[in-house]
PDB file of N, CA and C in Angstrom:
ATOM      1  N   TYR A   1     139.334  66.133  75.307  1.00  0.00           N
ATOM      2  CA  TYR A   1     139.826  64.807  75.561  1.00  0.00           C
ATOM      3  C   TYR A   1     139.539  63.933  74.349  1.00  0.00           C
ATOM      4  N   TRP A   2     140.563  63.170  73.912  1.00  0.00           N
ATOM      5  CA  TRP A   2     140.422  62.254  72.779  1.00  0.00           C
ATOM      6  C   TRP A   2     140.481  60.824  73.275  1.00  0.00           C
ATOM      7  N   GLY A   3     139.635  59.962  72.733  1.00  0.00           N
ATOM      8  CA  GLY A   3     139.635  58.550  73.084  1.00  0.00           C
ATOM      9  C   GLY A   3     139.094  57.729  71.932  1.00  0.00           C
ATOM     10  N   ARG A   4     138.943  56.432  72.147  1.00  0.00           N
ATOM     11  CA  ARG A   4     138.423  55.556  71.090  1.00  0.00           C
ATOM     12  C   ARG A   4     137.021  55.944  70.657  1.00  0.00           C
ATOM     13  N   PHE A   5     136.245  56.516  71.576  1.00  0.00           N
ATOM     14  CA  PHE A   5     134.862  56.915  71.295  1.00  0.00           C
ATOM     15  C   PHE A   5     134.775  58.109  70.360  1.00  0.00           C
ATOM     16  N   GLY A   6     135.838  58.902  70.279  1.00  0.00           N
ATOM     17  CA  GLY A   6     135.851  60.167  69.550  1.00  0.00           C
ATOM     18  C   GLY A   6     136.529  61.199  70.421  1.00  0.00           C
ATOM     19  N   HIS A   7     135.895  62.343  70.623  1.00  0.00           N
ATOM     20  CA  HIS A   7     136.471  63.334  71.538  1.00  0.00           C
ATOM     21  C   HIS A   7     135.374  64.171  72.178  1.00  0.00           C
ATOM     22  N   VAL A   8     135.763  64.845  73.244  1.00  0.00           N
ATOM     23  CA  VAL A   8     134.844  65.711  73.970  1.00  0.00           C
ATOM     24  C   VAL A   8     135.533  67.058  74.145  1.00  0.00           C
ATOM     25  N   SER A   9     134.750  68.115  74.032  1.00  0.00           N
ATOM     26  CA  SER A   9     135.277  69.477  74.156  1.00  0.00           C
ATOM     27  C   SER A   9     134.316  70.328  74.969  1.00  0.00           C
ATOM     28  N   VAL A  10     134.850  71.341  75.609  1.00  0.00           N
ATOM     29  CA  VAL A  10     134.036  72.386  76.209  1.00  0.00           C
ATOM     30  C   VAL A  10     134.110  73.565  75.241  1.00  0.00           C
ATOM     31  N   LEU A  11     132.945  73.986  74.767  1.00  0.00           N
ATOM     32  CA  LEU A  11     132.883  75.039  73.751  1.00  0.00           C
ATOM     33  C   LEU A  11     132.301  76.317  74.339  1.00  0.00           C
ATOM     34  N   ASN A  12     132.996  77.415  74.155  1.00  0.00           N
ATOM     35  CA  ASN A  12     132.489  78.735  74.500  1.00  0.00           C
ATOM     36  C   ASN A  12     131.985  79.344  73.201  1.00  0.00           C
ATOM     37  N   VAL A  13     130.677  79.362  73.012  1.00  0.00           N
ATOM     38  CA  VAL A  13     130.072  79.753  71.741  1.00  0.00           C
ATOM     39  C   VAL A  13     129.537  81.177  71.857  1.00  0.00           C
ATOM     40  N   ALA A  14     130.025  82.063  70.989  1.00  0.00           N
ATOM     41  CA  ALA A  14     129.606  83.454  71.023  1.00  0.00           C
ATOM     42  C   ALA A  14     128.842  83.859  69.763  1.00  0.00           C
ATOM     43  N   ASN A  15     128.826  82.996  68.758  1.00  0.00           N
ATOM     44  CA  ASN A  15     128.155  83.316  67.497  1.00  0.00           C
ATOM     45  C   ASN A  15     127.285  82.149  67.062  1.00  0.00           C
ATOM     46  N   ASP A  16     126.294  82.449  66.221  1.00  0.00           N
ATOM     47  CA  ASP A  16     125.466  81.396  65.652  1.00  0.00           C
ATOM     48  C   ASP A  16     126.316  80.486  64.774  1.00  0.00           C
ATOM     49  N   PHE A  17     125.895  79.221  64.660  1.00  0.00           N
ATOM     50  CA  PHE A  17     126.505  78.284  63.723  1.00  0.00           C
ATOM     51  C   PHE A  17     125.547  78.091  62.556  1.00  0.00           C
ATOM     52  N   VAL A  18     126.047  78.243  61.340  1.00  0.00           N
ATOM     53  CA  VAL A  18     125.219  78.000  60.161  1.00  0.00           C
ATOM     54  C   VAL A  18     125.000  76.497  60.012  1.00  0.00           C
ATOM     55  N   THR A  19     124.058  76.120  59.188  1.00  0.00           N
ATOM     56  CA  THR A  19     123.769  74.705  58.968  1.00  0.00           C
ATOM     57  C   THR A  19     124.997  74.005  58.411  1.00  0.00           C
ATOM     58  N   HIS A  20     125.350  72.896  59.037  1.00  0.00           N
ATOM     59  CA  HIS A  20     126.510  72.103  58.646  1.00  0.00           C
ATOM     60  C   HIS A  20     126.295  70.665  59.118  1.00  0.00           C
ATOM     61  N   ALA A  21     127.212  69.775  58.813  1.00  0.00           N
ATOM     62  CA  ALA A  21     127.120  68.377  59.235  1.00  0.00           C
ATOM     63  C   ALA A  21     128.529  67.827  59.434  1.00  0.00           C
ATOM     64  N   HIS A  22     128.630  66.764  60.219  1.00  0.00           N
ATOM     65  CA  HIS A  22     129.909  66.118  60.523  1.00  0.00           C
ATOM     66  C   HIS A  22     129.761  64.607  60.370  1.00  0.00           C
ATOM     67  N   GLY A  23     130.877  63.942  60.221  1.00  0.00           N
ATOM     68  CA  GLY A  23     130.873  62.488  60.199  1.00  0.00           C
ATOM     69  C   GLY A  23     130.603  61.886  61.561  1.00  0.00           C
ATOM     70  N   GLU A  24     130.941  62.623  62.609  1.00  0.00           N
ATOM     71  CA  GLU A  24     130.694  62.140  63.963  1.00  0.00           C
ATOM     72  C   GLU A  24     129.251  62.434  64.372  1.00  0.00           C
ATOM     73  N   ALA A  25     128.745  61.631  65.289  1.00  0.00           N
ATOM     74  CA  ALA A  25     127.491  61.975  65.963  1.00  0.00           C
ATOM     75  C   ALA A  25     127.845  62.942  67.084  1.00  0.00           C
ATOM     76  N   HIS A  26     126.878  63.716  67.555  1.00  0.00           N
ATOM     77  CA  HIS A  26     127.137  64.689  68.625  1.00  0.00           C
ATOM     78  C   HIS A  26     126.132  64.513  69.746  1.00  0.00           C
ATOM     79  N   LEU A  27     126.593  64.812  70.932  1.00  0.00           N
ATOM     80  CA  LEU A  27     125.723  65.005  72.085  1.00  0.00           C
ATOM     81  C   LEU A  27     126.130  66.348  72.659  1.00  0.00           C
ATOM     82  N   ILE A  28     125.207  67.310  72.681  1.00  0.00           N
ATOM     83  CA  ILE A  28     125.502  68.675  73.115  1.00  0.00           C
ATOM     84  C   ILE A  28     124.728  68.954  74.405  1.00  0.00           C
ATOM     85  N   ILE A  29     125.458  69.336  75.457  1.00  0.00           N
ATOM     86  CA  ILE A  29     124.854  69.658  76.749  1.00  0.00           C
ATOM     87  C   ILE A  29     125.184  71.110  77.086  1.00  0.00           C
ATOM     88  N   TRP A  30     124.151  71.901  77.324  1.00  0.00           N
ATOM     89  CA  TRP A  30     124.341  73.289  77.746  1.00  0.00           C
ATOM     90  C   TRP A  30     124.835  73.304  79.184  1.00  0.00           C
ATOM     91  N   LEU A  31     125.832  74.170  79.476  1.00  0.00           N
ATOM     92  CA  LEU A  31     126.369  74.292  80.828  1.00  0.00           C
ATOM     93  C   LEU A  31     125.977  75.606  81.498  1.00  0.00           C
ATOM     94  N   GLU A  32     126.179  76.724  80.795  1.00  0.00           N
ATOM     95  CA  GLU A  32     125.843  78.032  81.380  1.00  0.00           C
ATOM     96  C   GLU A  32     125.842  79.096  80.290  1.00  0.00           C
ATOM     97  N   GLY A  33     125.350  80.286  80.636  1.00  0.00           N
ATOM     98  CA  GLY A  33     125.270  81.379  79.674  1.00  0.00           C
ATOM     99  C   GLY A  33     124.044  81.210  78.788  1.00  0.00           C
ATOM    100  N   THR A  34     124.136  81.704  77.571  1.00  0.00           N
ATOM    101  CA  THR A  34     123.040  81.621  76.624  1.00  0.00           C
ATOM    102  C   THR A  34     122.949  80.202  76.066  1.00  0.00           C
ATOM    103  N   ALA A  35     121.778  79.596  76.138  1.00  0.00           N
ATOM    104  CA  ALA A  35     121.596  78.234  75.629  1.00  0.00           C
ATOM    105  C   ALA A  35     121.212  78.241  74.154  1.00  0.00           C
ATOM    106  N   GLY A  36     120.327  79.121  73.780  1.00  0.00           N
ATOM    107  CA  GLY A  36     119.871  79.187  72.398  1.00  0.00           C
ATOM    108  C   GLY A  36     119.056  77.974  72.010  1.00  0.00           C
ATOM    109  N   GLU A  37     118.914  77.799  70.709  1.00  0.00           N
ATOM    110  CA  GLU A  37     118.192  76.640  70.211  1.00  0.00           C
ATOM    111  C   GLU A  37     118.903  76.096  68.985  1.00  0.00           C
ATOM    112  N   MET A  38     118.785  74.791  68.817  1.00  0.00           N
ATOM    113  CA  MET A  38     119.404  74.123  67.680  1.00  0.00           C
ATOM    114  C   MET A  38     118.318  73.627  66.739  1.00  0.00           C
ATOM    115  N   THR A  39     118.600  73.698  65.451  1.00  0.00           N
ATOM    116  CA  THR A  39     117.761  73.054  64.456  1.00  0.00           C
ATOM    117  C   THR A  39     118.547  71.843  63.988  1.00  0.00           C
ATOM    118  N   ILE A  40     117.937  70.670  64.169  1.00  0.00           N
ATOM    119  CA  ILE A  40     118.593  69.403  63.847  1.00  0.00           C
ATOM    120  C   ILE A  40     117.668  68.673  62.885  1.00  0.00           C
ATOM    121  N   GLY A  41     118.101  68.563  61.637  1.00  0.00           N
ATOM    122  CA  GLY A  41     117.192  68.052  60.617  1.00  0.00           C
ATOM    123  C   GLY A  41     116.010  69.001  60.540  1.00  0.00           C
ATOM    124  N   ARG A  42     114.816  68.493  60.855  1.00  0.00           N
ATOM    125  CA  ARG A  42     113.607  69.335  60.838  1.00  0.00           C
ATOM    126  C   ARG A  42     113.094  69.637  62.240  1.00  0.00           C
ATOM    127  N   GLU A  43     113.850  69.245  63.262  1.00  0.00           N
ATOM    128  CA  GLU A  43     113.423  69.466  64.648  1.00  0.00           C
ATOM    129  C   GLU A  43     114.143  70.665  65.256  1.00  0.00           C
ATOM    130  N   THR A  44     113.443  71.391  66.117  1.00  0.00           N
ATOM    131  CA  THR A  44     114.043  72.475  66.884  1.00  0.00           C
ATOM    132  C   THR A  44     114.171  72.015  68.325  1.00  0.00           C
ATOM    133  N   VAL A  45     115.365  72.191  68.881  1.00  0.00           N
ATOM    134  CA  VAL A  45     115.635  71.784  70.256  1.00  0.00           C
ATOM    135  C   VAL A  45     116.075  73.016  71.041  1.00  0.00           C
ATOM    136  N   ARG A  46     115.332  73.338  72.093  1.00  0.00           N
ATOM    137  CA  ARG A  46     115.710  74.432  72.996  1.00  0.00           C
ATOM    138  C   ARG A  46     116.554  73.819  74.102  1.00  0.00           C
ATOM    139  N   LEU A  47     117.847  74.079  74.056  1.00  0.00           N
ATOM    140  CA  LEU A  47     118.756  73.531  75.046  1.00  0.00           C
ATOM    141  C   LEU A  47     118.526  74.174  76.403  1.00  0.00           C
ATOM    142  N   GLY A  48     118.833  73.445  77.448  1.00  0.00           N
ATOM    143  CA  GLY A  48     118.673  73.955  78.803  1.00  0.00           C
ATOM    144  C   GLY A  48     119.067  72.896  79.803  1.00  0.00           C
ATOM    145  N   PRO A  49     118.847  73.146  81.085  1.00  0.00           N
ATOM    146  CA  PRO A  49     119.294  72.199  82.111  1.00  0.00           C
ATOM    147  C   PRO A  49     118.593  70.850  82.046  1.00  0.00           C
ATOM    148  N   ASP A  50     117.435  70.791  81.364  1.00  0.00           N
ATOM    149  CA  ASP A  50     116.721  69.511  81.282  1.00  0.00           C
ATOM    150  C   ASP A  50     116.674  68.931  79.872  1.00  0.00           C
ATOM    151  N   THR A  51     117.363  69.590  78.914  1.00  0.00           N
ATOM    152  CA  THR A  51     117.333  69.116  77.531  1.00  0.00           C
ATOM    153  C   THR A  51     118.699  69.267  76.871  1.00  0.00           C
ATOM    154  N   ALA A  52     119.202  68.156  76.334  1.00  0.00           N
ATOM    155  CA  ALA A  52     120.419  68.139  75.522  1.00  0.00           C
ATOM    156  C   ALA A  52     120.019  67.860  74.082  1.00  0.00           C
ATOM    157  N   ALA A  53     120.980  67.931  73.170  1.00  0.00           N
ATOM    158  CA  ALA A  53     120.713  67.659  71.758  1.00  0.00           C
ATOM    159  C   ALA A  53     121.520  66.451  71.306  1.00  0.00           C
ATOM    160  N   GLY A  54     120.855  65.550  70.580  1.00  0.00           N
ATOM    161  CA  GLY A  54     121.507  64.402  69.962  1.00  0.00           C
ATOM    162  C   GLY A  54     121.478  64.564  68.455  1.00  0.00           C
ATOM    163  N   ILE A  55     122.639  64.505  67.838  1.00  0.00           N
ATOM    164  CA  ILE A  55     122.760  64.746  66.406  1.00  0.00           C
ATOM    165  C   ILE A  55     123.431  63.527  65.780  1.00  0.00           C
ATOM    166  N   ASN A  56     122.764  62.916  64.823  1.00  0.00           N
ATOM    167  CA  ASN A  56     123.327  61.749  64.150  1.00  0.00           C
ATOM    168  C   ASN A  56     124.393  62.147  63.141  1.00  0.00           C
ATOM    169  N   SER A  57     125.210  61.197  62.779  1.00  0.00           N
ATOM    170  CA  SER A  57     126.261  61.398  61.796  1.00  0.00           C
ATOM    171  C   SER A  57     125.681  61.952  60.494  1.00  0.00           C
ATOM    172  N   PHE A  58     126.316  62.994  59.969  1.00  0.00           N
ATOM    173  CA  PHE A  58     125.939  63.660  58.717  1.00  0.00           C
ATOM    174  C   PHE A  58     124.544  64.275  58.738  1.00  0.00           C
ATOM    175  N   GLN A  59     123.973  64.490  59.924  1.00  0.00           N
ATOM    176  CA  GLN A  59     122.668  65.135  60.028  1.00  0.00           C
ATOM    177  C   GLN A  59     122.868  66.655  60.047  1.00  0.00           C
ATOM    178  N   PRO A  60     122.234  67.395  59.143  1.00  0.00           N
ATOM    179  CA  PRO A  60     122.390  68.849  59.131  1.00  0.00           C
ATOM    180  C   PRO A  60     121.894  69.461  60.444  1.00  0.00           C
ATOM    181  N   HIS A  61     122.644  70.430  60.957  1.00  0.00           N
ATOM    182  CA  HIS A  61     122.253  71.107  62.191  1.00  0.00           C
ATOM    183  C   HIS A  61     122.831  72.515  62.217  1.00  0.00           C
ATOM    184  N   SER A  62     122.143  73.380  62.959  1.00  0.00           N
ATOM    185  CA  SER A  62     122.599  74.761  63.164  1.00  0.00           C
ATOM    186  C   SER A  62     122.273  75.141  64.601  1.00  0.00           C
ATOM    187  N   HIS A  63     122.848  76.247  65.056  1.00  0.00           N
ATOM    188  CA  HIS A  63     122.643  76.696  66.433  1.00  0.00           C
ATOM    189  C   HIS A  63     122.465  78.206  66.420  1.00  0.00           C
ATOM    190  N   ALA A  64     121.366  78.675  66.958  1.00  0.00           N
ATOM    191  CA  ALA A  64     121.088  80.110  67.059  1.00  0.00           C
ATOM    192  C   ALA A  64     121.135  80.510  68.532  1.00  0.00           C
ATOM    193  N   LEU A  65     121.976  81.461  68.848  1.00  0.00           N
ATOM    194  CA  LEU A  65     122.053  82.007  70.205  1.00  0.00           C
ATOM    195  C   LEU A  65     121.066  83.160  70.330  1.00  0.00           C
ATOM    196  N   SER A  66     121.010  83.765  71.509  1.00  0.00           N
ATOM    197  CA  SER A  66     120.138  84.926  71.676  1.00  0.00           C
ATOM    198  C   SER A  66     120.757  86.125  70.956  1.00  0.00           C
ATOM    199  N   HIS A  67     119.969  87.125  70.751  1.00  0.00           N
ATOM    200  CA  HIS A  67     120.441  88.302  70.022  1.00  0.00           C
ATOM    201  C   HIS A  67     121.105  89.331  70.928  1.00  0.00           C
ATOM    202  N   ASP A  68     121.269  89.016  72.220  1.00  0.00           N
ATOM    203  CA  ASP A  68     121.896  89.991  73.118  1.00  0.00           C
ATOM    204  C   ASP A  68     123.417  89.877  73.137  1.00  0.00           C
ATOM    205  N   GLY A  69     123.970  88.944  72.382  1.00  0.00           N
ATOM    206  CA  GLY A  69     125.414  88.840  72.262  1.00  0.00           C
ATOM    207  C   GLY A  69     126.110  88.082  73.371  1.00  0.00           C
ATOM    208  N   ARG A  70     125.342  87.515  74.311  1.00  0.00           N
ATOM    209  CA  ARG A  70     125.976  86.755  75.387  1.00  0.00           C
ATOM    210  C   ARG A  70     126.385  85.372  74.885  1.00  0.00           C
ATOM    211  N   PRO A  71     127.601  84.915  75.218  1.00  0.00           N
ATOM    212  CA  PRO A  71     128.020  83.573  74.803  1.00  0.00           C
ATOM    213  C   PRO A  71     127.387  82.495  75.687  1.00  0.00           C
ATOM    214  N   GLY A  72     127.507  81.271  75.230  1.00  0.00           N
ATOM    215  CA  GLY A  72     127.060  80.115  75.988  1.00  0.00           C
ATOM    216  C   GLY A  72     128.197  79.108  76.109  1.00  0.00           C
ATOM    217  N   LEU A  73     128.173  78.318  77.163  1.00  0.00           N
ATOM    218  CA  LEU A  73     129.185  77.296  77.395  1.00  0.00           C
ATOM    219  C   LEU A  73     128.521  75.925  77.262  1.00  0.00           C
ATOM    220  N   PHE A  74     129.141  75.036  76.475  1.00  0.00           N
ATOM    221  CA  PHE A  74     128.552  73.742  76.146  1.00  0.00           C
ATOM    222  C   PHE A  74     129.577  72.625  76.291  1.00  0.00           C
ATOM    223  N   LEU A  75     129.107  71.462  76.702  1.00  0.00           N
ATOM    224  CA  LEU A  75     129.896  70.244  76.706  1.00  0.00           C
ATOM    225  C   LEU A  75     129.489  69.482  75.455  1.00  0.00           C
ATOM    226  N   ALA A  76     130.440  69.241  74.558  1.00  0.00           N
ATOM    227  CA  ALA A  76     130.132  68.627  73.264  1.00  0.00           C
ATOM    228  C   ALA A  76     130.901  67.320  73.110  1.00  0.00           C
ATOM    229  N   PHE A  77     130.153  66.243  72.937  1.00  0.00           N
ATOM    230  CA  PHE A  77     130.741  64.938  72.657  1.00  0.00           C
ATOM    231  C   PHE A  77     130.671  64.699  71.152  1.00  0.00           C
ATOM    232  N   TYR A  78     131.801  64.424  70.535  1.00  0.00           N
ATOM    233  CA  TYR A  78     131.882  64.070  69.116  1.00  0.00           C
ATOM    234  C   TYR A  78     132.139  62.568  69.085  1.00  0.00           C
ATOM    235  N   ILE A  79     131.111  61.799  68.755  1.00  0.00           N
ATOM    236  CA  ILE A  79     131.131  60.357  68.933  1.00  0.00           C
ATOM    237  C   ILE A  79     131.334  59.652  67.597  1.00  0.00           C
ATOM    238  N   ASP A  80     132.309  58.756  67.540  1.00  0.00           N
ATOM    239  CA  ASP A  80     132.528  57.932  66.357  1.00  0.00           C
ATOM    240  C   ASP A  80     131.331  56.988  66.231  1.00  0.00           C
ATOM    241  N   PRO A  81     130.522  57.127  65.177  1.00  0.00           N
ATOM    242  CA  PRO A  81     129.305  56.319  65.091  1.00  0.00           C
ATOM    243  C   PRO A  81     129.595  54.819  65.000  1.00  0.00           C
ATOM    244  N   ASP A  82     130.689  54.431  64.360  1.00  0.00           N
ATOM    245  CA  ASP A  82     131.027  53.002  64.278  1.00  0.00           C
ATOM    246  C   ASP A  82     131.351  52.445  65.660  1.00  0.00           C
ATOM    247  N   TRP A  83     132.077  53.207  66.455  1.00  0.00           N
ATOM    248  CA  TRP A  83     132.402  52.784  67.828  1.00  0.00           C
ATOM    249  C   TRP A  83     131.114  52.579  68.621  1.00  0.00           C
ATOM    250  N   ALA A  84     130.194  53.539  68.551  1.00  0.00           N
ATOM    251  CA  ALA A  84     128.939  53.460  69.313  1.00  0.00           C
ATOM    252  C   ALA A  84     128.075  52.296  68.830  1.00  0.00           C
ATOM    253  N   ARG A  85     128.010  52.095  67.525  1.00  0.00           N
ATOM    254  CA  ARG A  85     127.187  50.990  67.002  1.00  0.00           C
ATOM    255  C   ARG A  85     127.732  49.635  67.444  1.00  0.00           C
ATOM    256  N   ARG A  86     129.068  49.485  67.439  1.00  0.00           N
ATOM    257  CA  ARG A  86     129.667  48.225  67.914  1.00  0.00           C
ATOM    258  C   ARG A  86     129.327  47.982  69.375  1.00  0.00           C
ATOM    259  N   ARG A  87     129.416  49.015  70.196  1.00  0.00           N
ATOM    260  CA  ARG A  87     129.136  48.873  71.629  1.00  0.00           C
ATOM    261  C   ARG A  87     127.674  48.571  71.903  1.00  0.00           C
ATOM    262  N   ARG A  88     126.780  49.052  71.049  1.00  0.00           N
ATOM    263  CA  ARG A  88     125.335  48.846  71.247  1.00  0.00           C
ATOM    264  C   ARG A  88     124.787  47.742  70.357  1.00  0.00           C
ATOM    265  N   ASP A  89     125.682  47.078  69.597  1.00  0.00           N
ATOM    266  CA  ASP A  89     125.310  45.982  68.701  1.00  0.00           C
ATOM    267  C   ASP A  89     124.213  46.417  67.728  1.00  0.00           C
ATOM    268  N   LEU A  90     124.442  47.557  67.072  1.00  0.00           N
ATOM    269  CA  LEU A  90     123.495  48.107  66.103  1.00  0.00           C
ATOM    270  C   LEU A  90     123.987  47.863  64.683  1.00  0.00           C
ATOM    271  N   PRO A  91     123.091  47.758  63.720  1.00  0.00           N
ATOM    272  CA  PRO A  91     123.506  47.649  62.316  1.00  0.00           C
ATOM    273  C   PRO A  91     124.247  48.912  61.868  1.00  0.00           C
ATOM    274  N   ALA A  92     125.059  48.772  60.839  1.00  0.00           N
ATOM    275  CA  ALA A  92     125.897  49.884  60.363  1.00  0.00           C
ATOM    276  C   ALA A  92     125.102  51.115  59.955  1.00  0.00           C
ATOM    277  N   SER A  93     123.869  50.952  59.519  1.00  0.00           N
ATOM    278  CA  SER A  93     123.090  52.101  59.058  1.00  0.00           C
ATOM    279  C   SER A  93     122.180  52.690  60.137  1.00  0.00           C
ATOM    280  N   ALA A  94     122.173  52.115  61.328  1.00  0.00           N
ATOM    281  CA  ALA A  94     121.259  52.567  62.379  1.00  0.00           C
ATOM    282  C   ALA A  94     121.670  53.934  62.931  1.00  0.00           C
ATOM    283  N   PRO A  95     120.694  54.858  63.093  1.00  0.00           N
ATOM    284  CA  PRO A  95     121.024  56.132  63.744  1.00  0.00           C
ATOM    285  C   PRO A  95     121.283  55.899  65.238  1.00  0.00           C
ATOM    286  N   LEU A  96     122.132  56.737  65.825  1.00  0.00           N
ATOM    287  CA  LEU A  96     122.412  56.612  67.262  1.00  0.00           C
ATOM    288  C   LEU A  96     121.315  57.261  68.093  1.00  0.00           C
ATOM    289  N   PHE A  97     120.692  58.309  67.557  1.00  0.00           N
ATOM    290  CA  PHE A  97     119.668  59.042  68.291  1.00  0.00           C
ATOM    291  C   PHE A  97     118.337  58.939  67.558  1.00  0.00           C
ATOM    292  N   ALA A  98     117.307  58.467  68.253  1.00  0.00           N
ATOM    293  CA  ALA A  98     115.975  58.341  67.655  1.00  0.00           C
ATOM    294  C   ALA A  98     115.284  59.696  67.530  1.00  0.00           C
ATOM    295  N   GLN A  99     115.667  60.640  68.396  1.00  0.00           N
ATOM    296  CA  GLN A  99     115.105  61.989  68.349  1.00  0.00           C
ATOM    297  C   GLN A  99     116.190  62.970  68.730  1.00  0.00           C
ATOM    298  N   ALA A 100     115.995  64.226  68.344  1.00  0.00           N
ATOM    299  CA  ALA A 100     117.027  65.240  68.572  1.00  0.00           C
ATOM    300  C   ALA A 100     117.049  65.744  70.019  1.00  0.00           C
ATOM    301  N   ALA A 101     115.882  65.867  70.652  1.00  0.00           N
ATOM    302  CA  ALA A 101     115.816  66.355  72.043  1.00  0.00           C
ATOM    303  C   ALA A 101     116.006  65.179  72.995  1.00  0.00           C
ATOM    304  N   ILE A 102     116.955  65.325  73.903  1.00  0.00           N
ATOM    305  CA  ILE A 102     117.244  64.284  74.882  1.00  0.00           C
ATOM    306  C   ILE A 102     116.993  64.850  76.271  1.00  0.00           C
ATOM    307  N   THR A 103     116.105  64.215  77.011  1.00  0.00           N
ATOM    308  CA  THR A 103     115.780  64.672  78.357  1.00  0.00           C
ATOM    309  C   THR A 103     116.923  64.333  79.300  1.00  0.00           C
ATOM    310  N   LEU A 104     117.344  65.330  80.080  1.00  0.00           N
ATOM    311  CA  LEU A 104     118.401  65.148  81.079  1.00  0.00           C
ATOM    312  C   LEU A 104     117.784  65.158  82.477  1.00  0.00           C
ATOM    313  N   GLU A 105     118.141  64.193  83.264  1.00  0.00           N
ATOM    314  CA  GLU A 105     117.775  64.211  84.676  1.00  0.00           C
ATOM    315  C   GLU A 105     118.606  65.298  85.360  1.00  0.00           C
ATOM    316  N   PRO A 106     118.098  65.930  86.426  1.00  0.00           N
ATOM    317  CA  PRO A 106     118.853  67.005  87.083  1.00  0.00           C
ATOM    318  C   PRO A 106     120.255  66.584  87.525  1.00  0.00           C
ATOM    319  N   TRP A 107     120.395  65.359  88.033  1.00  0.00           N
ATOM    320  CA  TRP A 107     121.717  64.913  88.495  1.00  0.00           C
ATOM    321  C   TRP A 107     122.716  64.824  87.339  1.00  0.00           C
ATOM    322  N   LEU A 108     122.231  64.505  86.132  1.00  0.00           N
ATOM    323  CA  LEU A 108     123.124  64.386  84.998  1.00  0.00           C
ATOM    324  C   LEU A 108     123.613  65.767  84.544  1.00  0.00           C
ATOM    325  N   HIS A 109     122.703  66.744  84.528  1.00  0.00           N
ATOM    326  CA  HIS A 109     123.121  68.105  84.178  1.00  0.00           C
ATOM    327  C   HIS A 109     124.108  68.625  85.229  1.00  0.00           C
ATOM    328  N   GLN A 110     123.854  68.345  86.497  1.00  0.00           N
ATOM    329  CA  GLN A 110     124.784  68.761  87.564  1.00  0.00           C
ATOM    330  C   GLN A 110     126.157  68.113  87.373  1.00  0.00           C
ATOM    331  N   ALA A 111     126.188  66.837  86.998  1.00  0.00           N
ATOM    332  CA  ALA A 111     127.451  66.144  86.781  1.00  0.00           C
ATOM    333  C   ALA A 111     128.229  66.765  85.613  1.00  0.00           C
ATOM    334  N   ALA A 112     127.508  67.172  84.583  1.00  0.00           N
ATOM    335  CA  ALA A 112     128.167  67.819  83.415  1.00  0.00           C
ATOM    336  C   ALA A 112     128.772  69.146  83.853  1.00  0.00           C
TER     337      ALA A 112
END
């Protein structure tokens, strides 16, 4: 889905992602299958039903799945940082996420 905020996708991930960065900020929520772990800047985030990942614009990140070859399903929000900063009345240089690991309440993971 595409909107003013950016876009959202459901990703079926079967391979590791090498370190890369995007202009958009990301919010990654694990849905099912292999969750793996993400390295975001210098932090490691183990995704799961109670933890999502927040990635700031142009922040290097990678994703390692398990070695058993099982894919994982993820809900990925690609957020236009300017749109988010305007909505939250933040300065242009402010990061959207103060930390990479974001705690999810059970109802929020269920809704995803």
